[in-house]
Structure formats: C-alpha cells, structure tokens
Amino acid sequence: MVEQPTIDPMHQFLVQKIWQGPVFQMGGVSVDMSITNSVASMIAGGLLLMAFFLLTARGQIVPNRAQALAEGVYNIVDKVLVTPIIGHHGRPYIPYLFTLFCVILVLNLMGVLLAVGSLGGLTLTFTVTSQLAITATLAVLTFFSVFILGFVKHGPKFLGLFAPSGMPLPLLVFMVPIEMISYFVRPVTLAMRLFGNMLGGHVVMALFGAFVVALGLAALSGGLSTLLIVPSALSFAMIVALTGLELVVALLQAFVFTALATVYLNEVVNFGHGH
C-alpha cells in the first residue's frame, strides 16, 4: 500500500530557523540574530537585485538586451507612474519608488518561481511577501515617510488635507474624523492587499500540488485506482495555469503597491494644487 502524503498547504508559510545566531538583551528585550528562512529569502532577493543591476547598468548609448530590460523596469516607475501622476516634481522620489517596486517584484517572483519546492513537502523557498509582518513593514515605512514629508514640506498646513476646502463648519465636525480614518487606514490596506494575494495564490498552488502527488501515488496501486492518473494530470495542468497567473499577479501587485505609494506621495508633493 502506497503511503499517502499529508496535505498541509500552510506549512510553506512557517518561519523556521536555518542558522542559530547569537541572542542578546537590549533594553530588556531579547534580540535573536538567528537566520530564518524568511531572512535568507530576503538576503537572496537583495543579492539577486544587486547582481542584476551590476550586470545591466552599463550606461551604453545603444543598450544591449540586458540594459534594455533594466531600463524597461525603470521606465515602469518613471514613465508610467511618477511622471503622469506627480509630474516633474516627483523625480527626486523615483529612487525610493523604484527600489520599492523592484524589491516587491523580486520577492514575489522568487516565491512563485521556486514554489515547486513545496511539492512533496520540500522547503526550497519561502514567499516573503506572504508574511503580514513584511508587507506591513513596507506599508508603514512608505506611509509614514510620506506623512512626515508632508509636514516637512508644508508644516501645519498639511493638516488641511483632512478638512476639504469650502466645507461648512458643522459638516467639518463629521468630515474631519472620516477623512482621518480613511487616511490612516492606508497602510492596513496596502499591507493586506499584497499579503492576501500572495498567500491565497500559494495556498491554491500547494493544494493542487498535493492533489498531483496524492492522486498519482494512489494510481500506482493498480486496479481501478489507475484511473486516478487522469485527475492527477488535470491537477498538474492547473498548477501550470496557476503558475502563469501567479507570475502576472506578482508583477501586478508590485505595480499596484508602488502606484498607490505614488498617489499618496502626489498628495504631498502637489499639496493644494495640480501639476
């Protein structure tokens, strides 16, 4: 009798130590410097990004294919997002937005392209952006950077963002709290959107992967069980289709996160006027 594997689609999201580092106390808080699969994936993603731009950033007048690819990624942020949304005043902020887009895109793609490692219970990859702690960190960092920039550029006048101009005073009593809630909920929506899309997609892929293995092993038992090879093959076809879809989602979610960050930044850069 062929032993059936345990189906656990959430196992791929467990944070596990892969190297025990030093642990020390800082202000009464225990700080563990161990390397987990999450940290290792982020380090690998950072190294991949550095290697990519070291190999492609040639500055040639007539770019080769690698340089053209790098310039294409840059133009997504520059020509598609910053220039149309913010205008020429947004150019100083392109480095941050470009870094944000590249980091999210690489971490998303790593989670998708290496997700086949979760089939059969292997742990060859870790989808960093499926962790709410990571997406929340990116969202909070982006939100409060923009919020602080608003006060640096405009001072107390920036609070006028919560009080629509021309609004009668009695209505302001209701509108200001509503505007503040809708404004400060932005990091929550930023974090949850990226986290939810990456988590959901990988759970579905893991489930179909488990079906492929379980049904394939059952088909090896012989007899009528051999017919189970058909749904096993169909499940494998679904994995191929879902992988293609997840690649699109990986790019789309990086784009959406950066686009929303650009929109929030536009409210600060062009505060009180258009561009």
Protein backbone atom coordinates (compact mmCIF):
# COMPACT_ATOMS: atom_id res chain seq x y z
CA MET A 1 0.00 0.00 0.00
CA VAL A 2 1.45 3.36 -1.04
CA GLU A 3 1.62 5.80 1.87
CA GLN A 4 -0.30 9.00 1.15
CA PRO A 5 1.43 12.32 1.87
CA THR A 6 -0.03 14.73 4.40
CA ILE A 7 -1.73 17.72 2.79
CA ASP A 8 -0.69 20.87 4.66
CA PRO A 9 -0.84 23.94 2.39
CA MET A 10 0.08 26.29 5.26
CA HIS A 11 3.36 24.57 6.09
CA GLN A 12 5.16 26.60 3.40
CA PHE A 13 4.49 29.81 5.37
CA LEU A 14 6.11 28.68 8.63
CA VAL A 15 9.10 30.75 9.69
CA GLN A 16 11.89 28.34 10.63
CA LYS A 17 15.45 28.86 11.83
CA ILE A 18 18.14 27.64 9.47
CA TRP A 19 21.11 29.04 11.43
CA GLN A 20 21.29 29.74 15.15
CA GLY A 21 22.81 33.15 15.72
CA PRO A 22 23.73 34.97 18.93
CA VAL A 23 20.98 36.12 21.30
CA PHE A 24 21.50 39.22 23.43
CA GLN A 25 19.46 41.59 25.57
CA MET A 26 18.74 45.17 24.52
CA GLY A 27 16.68 47.32 26.86
CA GLY A 28 15.07 44.29 28.45
CA VAL A 29 14.15 42.86 25.05
CA SER A 30 15.69 39.62 23.81
CA VAL A 31 17.17 40.08 20.33
CA ASP A 32 17.74 36.87 18.35
CA MET A 33 20.17 37.27 15.44
CA SER A 34 19.41 33.82 14.00
CA ILE A 35 18.89 33.42 10.27
CA THR A 36 15.41 32.17 9.38
CA ASN A 37 14.08 31.07 6.01
CA SER A 38 12.39 34.48 5.76
CA VAL A 39 15.64 36.36 6.36
CA ALA A 40 17.53 34.07 3.97
CA SER A 41 14.97 34.72 1.23
CA MET A 42 15.26 38.48 1.71
CA ILE A 43 19.06 38.28 1.60
CA ALA A 44 18.88 36.18 -1.56
CA GLY A 45 16.46 38.66 -3.11
CA GLY A 46 18.76 41.57 -2.27
CA LEU A 47 21.77 39.77 -3.76
CA LEU A 48 19.80 38.97 -6.93
CA LEU A 49 18.83 42.62 -7.31
CA MET A 50 22.40 43.84 -6.83
CA ALA A 51 23.74 41.26 -9.27
CA PHE A 52 21.09 42.18 -11.85
CA PHE A 53 21.88 45.88 -11.83
CA LEU A 54 25.64 45.34 -11.65
CA LEU A 55 25.37 43.28 -14.83
CA THR A 56 22.90 45.52 -16.66
CA ALA A 57 23.75 49.10 -15.62
CA ARG A 58 26.25 49.74 -18.42
CA GLY A 59 25.15 53.23 -19.47
CA GLN A 60 25.64 52.49 -23.15
CA ILE A 61 24.03 54.81 -25.69
CA VAL A 62 22.86 51.80 -27.67
CA PRO A 63 21.75 49.38 -24.94
CA ASN A 64 22.10 45.64 -25.20
CA ARG A 65 19.22 43.36 -24.21
CA ALA A 66 20.16 43.26 -20.53
CA GLN A 67 20.44 47.04 -20.27
CA ALA A 68 17.19 47.46 -22.22
CA LEU A 69 15.47 45.16 -19.69
CA ALA A 70 16.78 47.21 -16.76
CA GLU A 71 15.72 50.45 -18.44
CA GLY A 72 12.29 48.97 -19.12
CA VAL A 73 11.82 48.21 -15.43
CA TYR A 74 12.94 51.75 -14.56
CA ASN A 75 10.55 53.25 -17.10
CA ILE A 76 7.62 51.46 -15.47
CA VAL A 77 8.19 53.63 -12.41
CA ASP A 78 9.34 56.78 -14.22
CA LYS A 79 7.17 56.98 -17.34
CA VAL A 80 4.10 55.04 -16.23
CA LEU A 81 3.76 56.12 -12.58
CA VAL A 82 5.77 59.12 -11.40
CA THR A 83 5.62 61.41 -14.43
CA PRO A 84 1.88 61.01 -15.18
CA ILE A 85 0.78 61.08 -11.52
CA ILE A 86 3.16 63.53 -9.82
CA GLY A 87 4.85 65.35 -12.69
CA HIS A 88 8.44 66.59 -12.85
CA HIS A 89 8.34 67.46 -9.11
CA GLY A 90 8.28 63.74 -8.38
CA ARG A 91 11.65 62.93 -9.88
CA PRO A 92 13.58 63.22 -6.56
CA TYR A 93 11.42 60.40 -5.20
CA ILE A 94 11.94 57.96 -8.08
CA PRO A 95 14.86 56.13 -6.34
CA TYR A 96 12.66 55.14 -3.40
CA LEU A 97 9.68 54.15 -5.54
CA PHE A 98 11.92 52.24 -7.96
CA THR A 99 13.57 50.38 -5.06
CA LEU A 100 10.16 49.59 -3.58
CA PHE A 101 8.89 48.22 -6.90
CA CYS A 102 12.00 46.10 -7.53
CA VAL A 103 12.13 44.63 -4.02
CA ILE A 104 8.47 43.60 -4.02
CA LEU A 105 8.67 42.27 -7.59
CA VAL A 106 11.77 40.14 -6.93
CA LEU A 107 10.42 38.72 -3.67
CA ASN A 108 7.09 37.95 -5.33
CA LEU A 109 8.73 36.25 -8.32
CA MET A 110 11.06 34.23 -6.10
CA GLY A 111 8.06 32.89 -4.21
CA VAL A 112 6.30 31.89 -7.44
CA LEU A 113 9.19 30.51 -9.49
CA LEU A 114 10.55 28.42 -6.62
CA ALA A 115 7.14 27.38 -5.25
CA VAL A 116 7.54 23.98 -6.92
CA GLY A 117 9.83 23.20 -4.00
CA SER A 118 6.79 22.89 -1.73
CA LEU A 119 5.53 19.90 -3.72
CA GLY A 120 6.14 16.68 -1.86
CA GLY A 121 6.84 18.52 1.39
CA LEU A 122 10.15 20.06 0.35
CA THR A 123 11.10 23.50 1.69
CA LEU A 124 13.27 25.05 -1.00
CA THR A 125 11.77 28.52 -0.91
CA PHE A 126 9.89 30.96 1.23
CA THR A 127 7.45 33.58 -0.04
CA VAL A 128 8.43 36.63 1.99
CA THR A 129 5.53 38.77 0.79
CA SER A 130 3.05 36.18 2.08
CA GLN A 131 4.02 37.28 5.61
CA LEU A 132 1.91 40.11 7.02
CA ALA A 133 4.84 41.32 9.13
CA ILE A 134 6.85 42.01 5.96
CA THR A 135 4.08 43.65 3.94
CA ALA A 136 3.03 45.72 6.99
CA THR A 137 6.62 46.91 7.44
CA LEU A 138 6.80 48.05 3.81
CA ALA A 139 3.38 49.73 4.08
CA VAL A 140 4.08 51.52 7.36
CA LEU A 141 7.52 52.64 6.18
CA THR A 142 6.02 54.05 2.99
CA PHE A 143 3.03 55.68 4.68
CA PHE A 144 4.87 57.43 7.49
CA SER A 145 7.70 58.52 5.19
CA VAL A 146 5.09 60.29 3.05
CA PHE A 147 3.29 61.65 6.14
CA ILE A 148 6.49 63.07 7.63
CA LEU A 149 7.48 64.52 4.26
CA GLY A 150 4.13 66.34 4.20
CA PHE A 151 4.91 68.12 7.46
CA VAL A 152 8.49 68.87 6.41
CA LYS A 153 7.35 70.50 3.16
CA HIS A 154 4.16 72.21 4.29
CA GLY A 155 4.18 72.38 8.08
CA PRO A 156 0.83 72.57 9.91
CA LYS A 157 -0.89 73.47 6.63
CA PHE A 158 -0.62 69.79 5.73
CA LEU A 159 -3.42 69.10 8.22
CA GLY A 160 -5.69 70.84 5.72
CA LEU A 161 -5.68 67.52 3.90
CA PHE A 162 -8.27 66.34 6.43
CA ALA A 163 -10.51 69.38 6.03
CA PRO A 164 -11.94 69.72 2.49
CA SER A 165 -11.96 73.34 1.33
CA GLY A 166 -15.33 75.10 1.18
CA MET A 167 -16.90 72.67 3.62
CA PRO A 168 -19.34 74.32 6.11
CA LEU A 169 -18.13 74.24 9.70
CA PRO A 170 -20.91 71.97 11.03
CA LEU A 171 -20.07 69.36 8.39
CA LEU A 172 -16.35 69.54 9.23
CA VAL A 173 -17.13 68.04 12.62
CA PHE A 174 -18.18 64.86 10.82
CA MET A 175 -15.87 65.01 7.80
CA VAL A 176 -12.55 65.51 9.59
CA PRO A 177 -12.77 62.22 11.58
CA ILE A 178 -13.91 60.37 8.46
CA GLU A 179 -11.04 61.81 6.42
CA MET A 180 -8.53 60.95 9.15
CA ILE A 181 -9.76 57.37 9.44
CA SER A 182 -9.69 56.87 5.67
CA TYR A 183 -6.18 58.36 5.56
CA PHE A 184 -4.62 56.38 8.40
CA VAL A 185 -6.16 53.09 7.23
CA ARG A 186 -4.00 53.26 4.12
CA PRO A 187 -1.07 51.21 5.49
CA VAL A 188 -3.54 48.50 6.51
CA THR A 189 -5.00 48.23 3.01
CA LEU A 190 -1.52 48.36 1.44
CA ALA A 191 -0.26 45.54 3.64
CA MET A 192 -3.37 43.36 3.43
CA ARG A 193 -3.69 43.60 -0.37
CA LEU A 194 -0.17 42.32 -1.06
CA PHE A 195 -0.26 39.78 1.77
CA GLY A 196 -3.68 38.38 0.80
CA ASN A 197 -2.92 37.96 -2.88
CA MET A 198 0.38 36.18 -2.35
CA LEU A 199 -0.93 33.99 0.48
CA GLY A 200 -4.09 32.93 -1.37
CA GLY A 201 -2.34 32.11 -4.62
CA HIS A 202 0.29 29.96 -2.95
CA VAL A 203 -2.28 28.08 -0.87
CA VAL A 204 -4.20 27.14 -4.01
CA MET A 205 -0.98 26.10 -5.79
CA ALA A 206 0.02 23.95 -2.81
CA LEU A 207 -3.39 22.27 -2.73
CA PHE A 208 -3.27 21.32 -6.41
CA GLY A 209 0.33 20.19 -5.95
CA ALA A 210 -0.78 17.90 -3.14
CA PHE A 211 -3.54 16.54 -5.40
CA VAL A 212 -0.96 15.71 -8.08
CA VAL A 213 1.20 13.75 -5.65
CA ALA A 214 -1.64 12.07 -3.72
CA LEU A 215 -3.64 11.03 -6.78
CA GLY A 216 -0.50 9.98 -8.64
CA LEU A 217 0.60 7.73 -5.78
CA ALA A 218 -2.91 6.27 -5.49
CA ALA A 219 -2.87 5.48 -9.21
CA LEU A 220 0.23 3.34 -8.65
CA SER A 221 -1.83 0.95 -6.52
CA GLY A 222 -3.26 -0.61 -9.67
CA GLY A 223 -6.76 -1.73 -10.50
CA LEU A 224 -9.42 0.92 -10.86
CA SER A 225 -7.16 3.28 -8.91
CA THR A 226 -5.12 3.64 -12.11
CA LEU A 227 -7.86 5.93 -13.41
CA LEU A 228 -6.80 8.46 -10.79
CA ILE A 229 -3.93 9.39 -13.08
CA VAL A 230 -6.45 11.48 -15.04
CA PRO A 231 -7.37 13.89 -12.22
CA SER A 232 -3.70 13.90 -11.23
CA ALA A 233 -2.78 15.10 -14.72
CA LEU A 234 -5.58 17.67 -14.65
CA SER A 235 -4.29 18.96 -11.31
CA PHE A 236 -0.82 19.28 -12.81
CA ALA A 237 -2.30 21.27 -15.71
CA MET A 238 -3.98 23.54 -13.17
CA ILE A 239 -0.62 24.12 -11.46
CA VAL A 240 0.89 25.18 -14.79
CA ALA A 241 -2.00 27.58 -15.41
CA LEU A 242 -1.90 28.91 -11.84
CA THR A 243 1.85 29.45 -12.07
CA GLY A 244 1.33 31.65 -15.12
CA LEU A 245 -1.44 33.52 -13.30
CA GLU A 246 0.69 33.97 -10.20
CA LEU A 247 3.52 35.42 -12.29
CA VAL A 248 1.08 38.04 -13.56
CA VAL A 249 -0.18 38.65 -10.01
CA ALA A 250 3.40 39.02 -8.75
CA LEU A 251 4.06 41.80 -11.26
CA LEU A 252 0.64 43.36 -10.79
CA GLN A 253 0.86 43.51 -7.00
CA ALA A 254 4.30 45.13 -7.13
CA PHE A 255 2.90 47.66 -9.59
CA VAL A 256 -0.25 48.35 -7.53
CA PHE A 257 1.72 48.80 -4.29
CA THR A 258 4.09 51.26 -5.97
CA ALA A 259 1.24 53.02 -7.79
CA LEU A 260 -0.63 53.63 -4.53
CA ALA A 261 2.58 54.86 -2.88
CA THR A 262 2.97 57.27 -5.82
CA VAL A 263 -0.61 58.52 -5.41
CA TYR A 264 -0.05 59.14 -1.70
CA LEU A 265 3.20 60.94 -2.47
CA ASN A 266 1.43 63.10 -5.03
CA GLU A 267 -0.86 64.47 -2.30
CA VAL A 268 2.25 65.76 -0.53
CA VAL A 269 4.30 66.98 -3.49
CA ASN A 270 1.37 68.74 -5.19
CA PHE A 271 -0.44 69.69 -2.00
CA GLY A 272 -3.12 72.29 -2.69
CA HIS A 273 -2.58 72.47 -6.46
CA GLY A 274 -2.46 70.33 -9.60
CA HIS A 275 0.53 69.60 -11.76
